[in-house]
Amino acid sequence: MELIIPFVSIIGVICGFLLSTIKEWIQNKPKIGMNMKSGKLNYYNDTRDELGQEISNLTDASNGKYYKVHIKLDVFNYGNGNTAIKYIDVENIVNKKSVIFSEVQLKKSGKQITSFNLPASSIETLDLEWRVDKDDNTEALFDYNKISLEKDRMQFKIIVWNIKDKKYKYLVEPLSIITAYD
């Protein structure tokens, strides 16, 4: 028993160090959230004028050859740890099935970006833009009845990847884009 007494203080210091390290590891993690500020969803049909130049005309979903989506998205870090966002994907969904992944153009303050830092307790507003052309695989995205709150509706899943390859998802309904105002 007398041999253990000198080591009790050393064991206490080691246990305290381990507990504080675990506490820091748990508390200092980034927590990412997203919120849509505004958006636009427009269907287009290309025609040619008398000079042969292509003109994009707004049309309805059934007559559209492609659609463009523009969303202003707030990405915020409400955790205590810093992180960086590597890239953002968008999954176009109909009837809870993925139809196509879209490449997103990111803009921040009017400049094209590919990634950005997101410090603790901060927020970044991004402009997301993507286009989907109509073909055999994406035809379901051009059905006007899918822009609803029904079970087989169209949705956009925005997937944000951080620097440690953790992904965060945010689901956007086209009906909420149409009713959102700038």
C-alpha atoms as a PDB file:
ATOM      1  CA  MET A   1       0.000   0.000   0.000  1.00  0.00           C
ATOM      2  CA  GLU A   2       2.835   2.380   0.783  1.00  0.00           C
ATOM      3  CA  LEU A   3       4.274   1.845  -2.708  1.00  0.00           C
ATOM      4  CA  ILE A   4       1.076   3.069  -4.420  1.00  0.00           C
ATOM      5  CA  ILE A   5       0.801   6.411  -2.578  1.00  0.00           C
ATOM      6  CA  PRO A   6       3.515   8.245  -4.634  1.00  0.00           C
ATOM      7  CA  PHE A   7       1.889   7.155  -7.905  1.00  0.00           C
ATOM      8  CA  VAL A   8      -1.665   8.258  -7.014  1.00  0.00           C
ATOM      9  CA  SER A   9      -0.921  11.906  -7.868  1.00  0.00           C
ATOM     10  CA  ILE A  10       0.683  10.922 -11.190  1.00  0.00           C
ATOM     11  CA  ILE A  11      -2.302   8.698 -12.050  1.00  0.00           C
ATOM     12  CA  GLY A  12      -4.646  11.603 -11.174  1.00  0.00           C
ATOM     13  CA  VAL A  13      -2.771  13.966 -13.494  1.00  0.00           C
ATOM     14  CA  ILE A  14      -2.870  11.428 -16.342  1.00  0.00           C
ATOM     15  CA  CYS A  15      -6.618  10.782 -15.844  1.00  0.00           C
ATOM     16  CA  GLY A  16      -7.330  14.544 -15.775  1.00  0.00           C
ATOM     17  CA  PHE A  17      -5.350  15.065 -18.983  1.00  0.00           C
ATOM     18  CA  LEU A  18      -7.208  12.238 -20.753  1.00  0.00           C
ATOM     19  CA  LEU A  19     -10.610  13.526 -19.604  1.00  0.00           C
ATOM     20  CA  SER A  20      -9.874  17.090 -20.752  1.00  0.00           C
ATOM     21  CA  THR A  21      -8.646  15.791 -24.131  1.00  0.00           C
ATOM     22  CA  ILE A  22     -11.837  13.793 -24.612  1.00  0.00           C
ATOM     23  CA  LYS A  23     -13.921  16.834 -23.592  1.00  0.00           C
ATOM     24  CA  GLU A  24     -12.121  19.046 -26.137  1.00  0.00           C
ATOM     25  CA  TRP A  25     -12.582  16.419 -28.849  1.00  0.00           C
ATOM     26  CA  ILE A  26     -16.333  16.214 -28.167  1.00  0.00           C
ATOM     27  CA  GLN A  27     -16.989  19.950 -27.821  1.00  0.00           C
ATOM     28  CA  ASN A  28     -14.780  21.381 -30.567  1.00  0.00           C
ATOM     29  CA  LYS A  29     -16.502  19.816 -33.556  1.00  0.00           C
ATOM     30  CA  PRO A  30     -18.020  21.801 -36.396  1.00  0.00           C
ATOM     31  CA  LYS A  31     -21.792  21.609 -36.722  1.00  0.00           C
ATOM     32  CA  ILE A  32     -23.017  22.545 -40.185  1.00  0.00           C
ATOM     33  CA  GLY A  33     -26.502  23.746 -41.026  1.00  0.00           C
ATOM     34  CA  MET A  34     -28.114  25.136 -44.170  1.00  0.00           C
ATOM     35  CA  ASN A  35     -31.055  27.350 -45.013  1.00  0.00           C
ATOM     36  CA  MET A  36     -32.423  28.512 -48.365  1.00  0.00           C
ATOM     37  CA  LYS A  37     -32.895  32.286 -48.622  1.00  0.00           C
ATOM     38  CA  SER A  38     -34.409  32.512 -52.088  1.00  0.00           C
ATOM     39  CA  GLY A  39     -34.458  30.691 -55.368  1.00  0.00           C
ATOM     40  CA  LYS A  40     -35.643  30.428 -58.941  1.00  0.00           C
ATOM     41  CA  LEU A  41     -36.694  27.401 -60.965  1.00  0.00           C
ATOM     42  CA  ASN A  42     -37.312  28.139 -64.654  1.00  0.00           C
ATOM     43  CA  TYR A  43     -37.947  25.859 -67.603  1.00  0.00           C
ATOM     44  CA  TYR A  44     -36.603  26.953 -70.999  1.00  0.00           C
ATOM     45  CA  ASN A  45     -37.145  26.084 -74.639  1.00  0.00           C
ATOM     46  CA  ASP A  46     -34.491  27.177 -77.150  1.00  0.00           C
ATOM     47  CA  THR A  47     -35.527  28.613 -80.494  1.00  0.00           C
ATOM     48  CA  ARG A  48     -33.622  30.294 -83.290  1.00  0.00           C
ATOM     49  CA  ASP A  49     -34.314  33.786 -84.552  1.00  0.00           C
ATOM     50  CA  GLU A  50     -34.132  34.908 -88.193  1.00  0.00           C
ATOM     51  CA  LEU A  51     -30.344  35.419 -87.841  1.00  0.00           C
ATOM     52  CA  GLY A  52     -29.837  31.860 -86.580  1.00  0.00           C
ATOM     53  CA  GLN A  53     -28.957  32.812 -83.001  1.00  0.00           C
ATOM     54  CA  GLU A  54     -30.306  30.725 -80.152  1.00  0.00           C
ATOM     55  CA  ILE A  55     -32.844  32.405 -77.903  1.00  0.00           C
ATOM     56  CA  SER A  56     -33.876  30.894 -74.561  1.00  0.00           C
ATOM     57  CA  ASN A  57     -37.584  31.359 -73.937  1.00  0.00           C
ATOM     58  CA  LEU A  58     -39.310  30.729 -70.634  1.00  0.00           C
ATOM     59  CA  THR A  59     -41.882  27.965 -70.910  1.00  0.00           C
ATOM     60  CA  ASP A  60     -43.798  25.528 -68.757  1.00  0.00           C
ATOM     61  CA  ALA A  61     -42.411  22.217 -67.504  1.00  0.00           C
ATOM     62  CA  SER A  62     -43.956  19.984 -70.179  1.00  0.00           C
ATOM     63  CA  ASN A  63     -42.588  22.079 -73.093  1.00  0.00           C
ATOM     64  CA  GLY A  64     -39.159  22.709 -71.561  1.00  0.00           C
ATOM     65  CA  LYS A  65     -35.948  21.371 -73.080  1.00  0.00           C
ATOM     66  CA  TYR A  66     -33.975  22.151 -69.912  1.00  0.00           C
ATOM     67  CA  TYR A  67     -34.366  23.857 -66.572  1.00  0.00           C
ATOM     68  CA  LYS A  68     -32.110  26.080 -64.537  1.00  0.00           C
ATOM     69  CA  VAL A  69     -32.152  26.383 -60.781  1.00  0.00           C
ATOM     70  CA  HIS A  70     -30.657  29.314 -58.891  1.00  0.00           C
ATOM     71  CA  ILE A  71     -30.639  29.150 -55.092  1.00  0.00           C
ATOM     72  CA  LYS A  72     -29.202  31.486 -52.480  1.00  0.00           C
ATOM     73  CA  LEU A  73     -28.121  29.178 -49.684  1.00  0.00           C
ATOM     74  CA  ASP A  74     -26.867  30.081 -46.213  1.00  0.00           C
ATOM     75  CA  VAL A  75     -24.285  27.579 -44.948  1.00  0.00           C
ATOM     76  CA  PHE A  76     -23.527  28.109 -41.288  1.00  0.00           C
ATOM     77  CA  ASN A  77     -21.251  26.550 -38.691  1.00  0.00           C
ATOM     78  CA  TYR A  78     -22.864  26.730 -35.260  1.00  0.00           C
ATOM     79  CA  GLY A  79     -20.277  24.453 -33.633  1.00  0.00           C
ATOM     80  CA  ASN A  80     -17.020  25.331 -31.890  1.00  0.00           C
ATOM     81  CA  GLY A  81     -14.663  23.797 -34.452  1.00  0.00           C
ATOM     82  CA  ASN A  82     -13.513  25.230 -37.774  1.00  0.00           C
ATOM     83  CA  THR A  83     -13.998  23.397 -41.048  1.00  0.00           C
ATOM     84  CA  ALA A  84     -13.778  23.905 -44.799  1.00  0.00           C
ATOM     85  CA  ILE A  85     -16.282  23.026 -47.495  1.00  0.00           C
ATOM     86  CA  LYS A  86     -14.711  21.162 -50.423  1.00  0.00           C
ATOM     87  CA  TYR A  87     -17.612  20.954 -52.850  1.00  0.00           C
ATOM     88  CA  ILE A  88     -21.371  20.829 -53.202  1.00  0.00           C
ATOM     89  CA  ASP A  89     -23.440  18.355 -55.227  1.00  0.00           C
ATOM     90  CA  VAL A  90     -27.139  18.379 -56.039  1.00  0.00           C
ATOM     91  CA  GLU A  91     -29.166  15.233 -56.438  1.00  0.00           C
ATOM     92  CA  ASN A  92     -32.342  15.673 -58.510  1.00  0.00           C
ATOM     93  CA  ILE A  93     -34.977  13.307 -57.110  1.00  0.00           C
ATOM     94  CA  VAL A  94     -38.404  12.145 -58.280  1.00  0.00           C
ATOM     95  CA  ASN A  95     -40.540   9.722 -56.271  1.00  0.00           C
ATOM     96  CA  LYS A  96     -37.704   9.349 -53.723  1.00  0.00           C
ATOM     97  CA  LYS A  97     -35.384   7.969 -56.441  1.00  0.00           C
ATOM     98  CA  SER A  98     -32.285   9.739 -57.668  1.00  0.00           C
ATOM     99  CA  VAL A  99     -32.658  10.759 -61.312  1.00  0.00           C
ATOM    100  CA  ILE A 100     -29.427  12.675 -61.930  1.00  0.00           C
ATOM    101  CA  PHE A 101     -26.584  14.368 -60.052  1.00  0.00           C
ATOM    102  CA  SER A 102     -25.951  17.931 -61.147  1.00  0.00           C
ATOM    103  CA  GLU A 103     -22.708  19.838 -61.177  1.00  0.00           C
ATOM    104  CA  VAL A 104     -23.165  23.025 -59.211  1.00  0.00           C
ATOM    105  CA  GLN A 105     -21.563  26.360 -59.957  1.00  0.00           C
ATOM    106  CA  LEU A 106     -20.707  28.089 -56.674  1.00  0.00           C
ATOM    107  CA  LYS A 107     -20.587  31.851 -56.419  1.00  0.00           C
ATOM    108  CA  LYS A 108     -19.766  33.922 -53.366  1.00  0.00           C
ATOM    109  CA  SER A 109     -19.992  37.713 -53.578  1.00  0.00           C
ATOM    110  CA  GLY A 110     -20.317  37.405 -57.362  1.00  0.00           C
ATOM    111  CA  LYS A 111     -17.069  35.428 -57.784  1.00  0.00           C
ATOM    112  CA  GLN A 112     -16.837  31.817 -58.908  1.00  0.00           C
ATOM    113  CA  ILE A 113     -15.387  29.599 -56.146  1.00  0.00           C
ATOM    114  CA  THR A 114     -14.693  25.896 -55.695  1.00  0.00           C
ATOM    115  CA  SER A 115     -14.262  25.675 -51.912  1.00  0.00           C
ATOM    116  CA  PHE A 116     -14.278  27.928 -48.863  1.00  0.00           C
ATOM    117  CA  ASN A 117     -13.397  28.052 -45.161  1.00  0.00           C
ATOM    118  CA  LEU A 118     -16.150  28.030 -42.570  1.00  0.00           C
ATOM    119  CA  PRO A 119     -14.850  29.146 -39.155  1.00  0.00           C
ATOM    120  CA  ALA A 120     -16.734  28.429 -35.941  1.00  0.00           C
ATOM    121  CA  SER A 121     -19.895  30.498 -35.376  1.00  0.00           C
ATOM    122  CA  SER A 122     -19.929  31.884 -38.914  1.00  0.00           C
ATOM    123  CA  ILE A 123     -22.234  31.972 -41.920  1.00  0.00           C
ATOM    124  CA  GLU A 124     -21.602  32.124 -45.675  1.00  0.00           C
ATOM    125  CA  THR A 125     -24.210  32.960 -48.304  1.00  0.00           C
ATOM    126  CA  LEU A 126     -23.677  31.114 -51.581  1.00  0.00           C
ATOM    127  CA  ASP A 127     -25.291  31.329 -55.000  1.00  0.00           C
ATOM    128  CA  LEU A 128     -25.868  27.833 -56.373  1.00  0.00           C
ATOM    129  CA  GLU A 129     -26.714  27.342 -60.030  1.00  0.00           C
ATOM    130  CA  TRP A 130     -27.270  24.199 -62.038  1.00  0.00           C
ATOM    131  CA  ARG A 131     -28.906  23.100 -65.275  1.00  0.00           C
ATOM    132  CA  VAL A 132     -30.590  19.841 -66.239  1.00  0.00           C
ATOM    133  CA  ASP A 133     -31.276  18.976 -69.878  1.00  0.00           C
ATOM    134  CA  LYS A 134     -34.287  16.894 -70.851  1.00  0.00           C
ATOM    135  CA  ASP A 135     -33.554  13.376 -72.079  1.00  0.00           C
ATOM    136  CA  ASP A 136     -34.951   9.873 -71.555  1.00  0.00           C
ATOM    137  CA  ASN A 137     -33.462   9.601 -68.044  1.00  0.00           C
ATOM    138  CA  THR A 138     -34.598  13.023 -66.827  1.00  0.00           C
ATOM    139  CA  GLU A 139     -38.052  13.176 -68.401  1.00  0.00           C
ATOM    140  CA  ALA A 140     -39.768  12.728 -65.022  1.00  0.00           C
ATOM    141  CA  LEU A 141     -38.234  16.050 -63.875  1.00  0.00           C
ATOM    142  CA  PHE A 142     -40.218  17.821 -66.613  1.00  0.00           C
ATOM    143  CA  ASP A 143     -43.660  16.734 -65.399  1.00  0.00           C
ATOM    144  CA  TYR A 144     -45.504  19.732 -63.956  1.00  0.00           C
ATOM    145  CA  ASN A 145     -47.526  17.462 -61.639  1.00  0.00           C
ATOM    146  CA  LYS A 146     -44.293  16.497 -59.833  1.00  0.00           C
ATOM    147  CA  ILE A 147     -43.918  20.064 -58.541  1.00  0.00           C
ATOM    148  CA  SER A 148     -46.227  19.462 -55.593  1.00  0.00           C
ATOM    149  CA  LEU A 149     -46.289  18.170 -52.054  1.00  0.00           C
ATOM    150  CA  GLU A 150     -47.495  14.719 -53.134  1.00  0.00           C
ATOM    151  CA  LYS A 151     -45.610  11.553 -52.260  1.00  0.00           C
ATOM    152  CA  ASP A 152     -44.076  11.129 -55.746  1.00  0.00           C
ATOM    153  CA  ARG A 153     -42.898  14.752 -55.976  1.00  0.00           C
ATOM    154  CA  MET A 154     -39.699  16.236 -57.341  1.00  0.00           C
ATOM    155  CA  GLN A 155     -37.012  17.313 -54.828  1.00  0.00           C
ATOM    156  CA  PHE A 156     -33.455  18.615 -54.828  1.00  0.00           C
ATOM    157  CA  LYS A 157     -31.030  17.233 -52.260  1.00  0.00           C
ATOM    158  CA  ILE A 158     -28.096  19.591 -51.716  1.00  0.00           C
ATOM    159  CA  ILE A 159     -25.079  17.659 -50.429  1.00  0.00           C
ATOM    160  CA  VAL A 160     -22.239  19.628 -48.827  1.00  0.00           C
ATOM    161  CA  TRP A 161     -18.885  17.844 -48.325  1.00  0.00           C
ATOM    162  CA  ASN A 162     -16.472  19.145 -45.716  1.00  0.00           C
ATOM    163  CA  ILE A 163     -12.696  18.729 -45.655  1.00  0.00           C
ATOM    164  CA  LYS A 164     -12.951  15.463 -43.695  1.00  0.00           C
ATOM    165  CA  ASP A 165     -15.385  13.974 -46.271  1.00  0.00           C
ATOM    166  CA  LYS A 166     -18.355  14.256 -43.951  1.00  0.00           C
ATOM    167  CA  LYS A 167     -21.489  15.097 -45.870  1.00  0.00           C
ATOM    168  CA  TYR A 168     -24.371  17.278 -44.800  1.00  0.00           C
ATOM    169  CA  LYS A 169     -27.711  17.151 -46.627  1.00  0.00           C
ATOM    170  CA  TYR A 170     -30.412  19.731 -47.164  1.00  0.00           C
ATOM    171  CA  LEU A 171     -33.655  18.893 -48.974  1.00  0.00           C
ATOM    172  CA  VAL A 172     -35.271  21.583 -51.146  1.00  0.00           C
ATOM    173  CA  GLU A 173     -38.790  21.340 -52.512  1.00  0.00           C
ATOM    174  CA  PRO A 174     -39.375  22.993 -55.921  1.00  0.00           C
ATOM    175  CA  LEU A 175     -42.632  24.394 -54.563  1.00  0.00           C
ATOM    176  CA  SER A 176     -40.630  26.273 -51.899  1.00  0.00           C
ATOM    177  CA  ILE A 177     -38.322  27.653 -54.619  1.00  0.00           C
ATOM    178  CA  ILE A 178     -41.258  28.866 -56.687  1.00  0.00           C
ATOM    179  CA  THR A 179     -42.890  30.579 -53.705  1.00  0.00           C
ATOM    180  CA  ALA A 180     -39.618  32.112 -52.388  1.00  0.00           C
ATOM    181  CA  TYR A 181     -39.006  35.776 -53.124  1.00  0.00           C
ATOM    182  CA  ASP A 182     -35.729  37.639 -53.658  1.00  0.00           C
END
